[in-house]
C-alpha cells in the first residue's frame, strides 16, 4: 500500500478521501473476506454517497459483484440509496474504538440519510456486525493511522 503524503484538508481533501476509501476497501477485502463477500452480496445493485466534512466525498458503488469507489455521482452508478457524512476526527475516534457509530450519530457527528428508514437500521446492523473485525484488522488500522496522520489528526 503506498504511503500517504501530508495533505492540506482544504486544498486536497478530496484526494485524501478517495485514497482512504480505496485503501480501506482493499484492507477490508483482504482481512475480512467473508464479511466483504456478504456485504457485496447484500448491497449488489446499490450505491451510497459517503463524505468527510471539510474534505470531500466518494460514491461506493456495488454492481456486478464488485465494489467501485467513484469520486462523484454518475449515471453509471447503481442507484444511490443512502448518504452519510462525518468529520475526520470522528473517523479517528470510530477507528480506535473511542466512539461507537450510535454515539457519533446522537452527538451529531455523523449524518445519515436513506430512501427507506429500514435501510438505516440495516446499515447500522451491518456496521456493528463487522466493527470488532475492523478494529482488529491490522491493515485497516494502518489505513486509519495513515489517514489521521495525513489529515493532521491526533489519535
Protein backbone atom coordinates (compact mmCIF):
# COMPACT_ATOMS: atom_id res chain seq x y z
CA UNK A 1 0.00 0.00 0.00
CA UNK A 2 1.57 3.35 -0.97
CA UNK A 3 2.14 5.75 1.87
CA UNK A 4 0.08 8.86 2.36
CA UNK A 5 1.59 12.28 1.89
CA UNK A 6 0.70 15.13 4.18
CA UNK A 7 -2.37 16.75 2.67
CA UNK A 8 -3.87 20.15 3.36
CA UNK A 9 -7.50 19.27 4.04
CA UNK A 10 -8.74 22.44 2.36
CA UNK A 11 -6.94 22.00 -0.94
CA UNK A 12 -6.54 18.28 -1.48
CA UNK A 13 -9.04 16.75 0.91
CA UNK A 14 -10.91 15.09 -1.93
CA UNK A 15 -7.74 13.27 -2.94
CA UNK A 16 -7.24 12.04 0.62
CA UNK A 17 -10.86 10.85 0.95
CA UNK A 18 -10.59 8.91 -2.32
CA UNK A 19 -7.30 7.28 -1.29
CA UNK A 20 -8.65 6.46 2.17
CA UNK A 21 -11.78 4.86 0.68
CA UNK A 22 -9.77 2.76 -1.80
CA UNK A 23 -7.23 1.66 0.81
CA UNK A 24 -9.88 0.88 3.43
CA UNK A 25 -11.85 -1.17 0.89
CA UNK A 26 -8.76 -3.19 -0.07
CA UNK A 27 -7.80 -3.74 3.58
CA UNK A 28 -11.34 -4.84 4.45
CA UNK A 29 -11.44 -7.21 1.47
CA UNK A 30 -8.04 -8.72 2.40
CA UNK A 31 -8.55 -9.07 6.16
CA UNK A 32 -12.27 -9.86 6.29
CA UNK A 33 -13.03 -11.69 3.03
CA UNK A 34 -16.17 -13.44 4.31
CA UNK A 35 -17.65 -10.18 5.60
CA UNK A 36 -16.68 -8.42 2.36
CA UNK A 37 -18.40 -11.12 0.28
CA UNK A 38 -21.52 -10.98 2.43
CA UNK A 39 -21.74 -7.20 2.13
CA UNK A 40 -21.23 -7.28 -1.64
CA UNK A 41 -23.99 -9.86 -1.96
CA UNK A 42 -26.32 -7.86 0.32
CA UNK A 43 -25.76 -4.50 -1.38
CA UNK A 44 -25.26 -5.55 -5.00
CA UNK A 45 -27.03 -3.08 -7.29
CA UNK A 46 -26.89 -0.22 -4.78
CA UNK A 47 -24.63 2.73 -4.05
CA UNK A 48 -24.09 5.16 -1.20
CA UNK A 49 -22.53 8.58 -1.02
CA UNK A 50 -20.00 8.89 1.81
CA UNK A 51 -18.46 12.20 2.78
CA UNK A 52 -15.96 13.67 5.19
CA UNK A 53 -16.94 17.20 6.23
CA UNK A 54 -14.44 19.80 5.03
CA UNK A 55 -12.62 17.33 2.81
CA UNK A 56 -14.61 15.51 0.14
CA UNK A 57 -16.85 12.59 -0.73
CA UNK A 58 -16.97 9.35 -2.68
CA UNK A 59 -19.66 7.12 -4.06
CA UNK A 60 -19.36 3.48 -3.00
CA UNK A 61 -20.95 1.63 -5.90
CA UNK A 62 -21.71 -2.10 -5.68
CA UNK A 63 -22.53 -3.65 -9.05
CA UNK A 64 -21.97 -7.00 -10.71
CA UNK A 65 -20.42 -8.40 -7.54
CA UNK A 66 -17.74 -5.69 -7.42
CA UNK A 67 -17.27 -2.58 -5.29
CA UNK A 68 -16.15 0.60 -7.01
CA UNK A 69 -15.09 3.84 -5.37
CA UNK A 70 -16.04 6.81 -7.55
CA UNK A 71 -15.17 10.44 -6.84
CA UNK A 72 -18.66 11.70 -7.67
CA UNK A 73 -22.15 10.50 -8.54
CA UNK A 74 -22.59 9.31 -12.11
CA UNK A 75 -25.38 7.92 -14.24
CA UNK A 76 -23.26 4.75 -14.46
CA UNK A 77 -23.52 4.14 -10.68
CA UNK A 78 -26.04 1.82 -9.18
CA UNK A 79 -28.90 3.84 -7.63
CA UNK A 80 -27.78 5.81 -4.56
CA UNK A 81 -29.88 4.50 -1.68
CA UNK A 82 -28.18 6.35 1.16
CA UNK A 83 -25.88 9.17 2.14
CA UNK A 84 -23.62 9.66 5.10
CA UNK A 85 -21.01 12.14 6.24
CA UNK A 86 -18.82 12.62 9.26
CA UNK A 87 -15.82 14.57 10.50
CA UNK A 88 -12.21 13.39 10.14
CA UNK A 89 -11.90 13.37 13.93
CA UNK A 90 -14.96 11.13 14.19
CA UNK A 91 -13.36 8.65 11.79
CA UNK A 92 -10.33 8.56 14.09
CA UNK A 93 -12.49 8.02 17.19
CA UNK A 94 -14.50 5.27 15.49
CA UNK A 95 -11.35 3.56 14.20
CA UNK A 96 -9.79 3.43 17.65
CA UNK A 97 -12.96 2.29 19.40
CA UNK A 98 -13.24 5.51 21.40
CA UNK A 99 -16.67 6.18 19.90
CA UNK A 100 -19.47 3.99 18.59
CA UNK A 101 -21.47 4.68 15.46
CA UNK A 102 -24.61 5.23 17.53
CA UNK A 103 -22.82 7.65 19.87
CA UNK A 104 -21.44 9.59 16.90
CA UNK A 105 -24.91 9.80 15.39
CA UNK A 106 -26.52 11.04 18.63
CA UNK A 107 -23.74 13.62 19.14
CA UNK A 108 -24.45 14.99 15.68
CA UNK A 109 -21.01 13.96 14.41
CA UNK A 110 -22.43 11.50 11.90
CA UNK A 111 -25.18 12.46 9.46
CA UNK A 112 -27.03 9.72 7.57
CA UNK A 113 -29.97 9.60 5.20
CA UNK A 114 -31.61 6.73 3.36
CA UNK A 115 -34.50 6.34 0.96
CA UNK A 116 -36.16 3.90 3.35
CA UNK A 117 -35.88 4.11 7.13
CA UNK A 118 -35.37 0.34 7.34
CA UNK A 119 -32.20 0.82 5.29
CA UNK A 120 -30.77 2.95 8.11
CA UNK A 121 -31.41 0.18 10.60
CA UNK A 122 -29.98 -2.44 8.25
CA UNK A 123 -26.87 -0.33 7.62
CA UNK A 124 -26.35 0.21 11.33
CA UNK A 125 -26.71 -3.53 11.98
CA UNK A 126 -24.13 -4.29 9.29
CA UNK A 127 -21.68 -1.76 10.72
CA UNK A 128 -21.96 -3.12 14.24
CA UNK A 129 -21.76 -6.70 12.98
CA UNK A 130 -18.31 -6.10 11.48
CA UNK A 131 -16.95 -3.42 13.86
CA UNK A 132 -14.97 -5.85 16.01
CA UNK A 133 -13.27 -7.39 12.99
CA UNK A 134 -12.47 -3.94 11.61
CA UNK A 135 -10.94 -2.85 14.92
CA UNK A 136 -8.77 -6.00 14.93
CA UNK A 137 -7.70 -5.70 11.28
CA UNK A 138 -4.03 -4.71 11.13
CA UNK A 139 -4.38 -3.47 7.55
CA UNK A 140 -7.42 -1.32 8.35
CA UNK A 141 -5.76 0.10 11.44
CA UNK A 142 -2.75 1.04 9.30
CA UNK A 143 -5.03 2.76 6.80
CA UNK A 144 -6.78 4.67 9.60
CA UNK A 145 -3.45 5.70 11.14
CA UNK A 146 -2.15 6.96 7.78
CA UNK A 147 -5.40 8.85 7.16
CA UNK A 148 -5.13 10.52 10.57
CA UNK A 149 -1.51 11.47 10.00
CA UNK A 150 -2.21 12.91 6.55
CA UNK A 151 -5.28 14.78 7.82
CA UNK A 152 -3.29 16.06 10.83
CA UNK A 153 -5.50 14.40 13.45
CA UNK A 154 -4.06 13.35 16.79
CA UNK A 155 -5.18 9.88 17.86
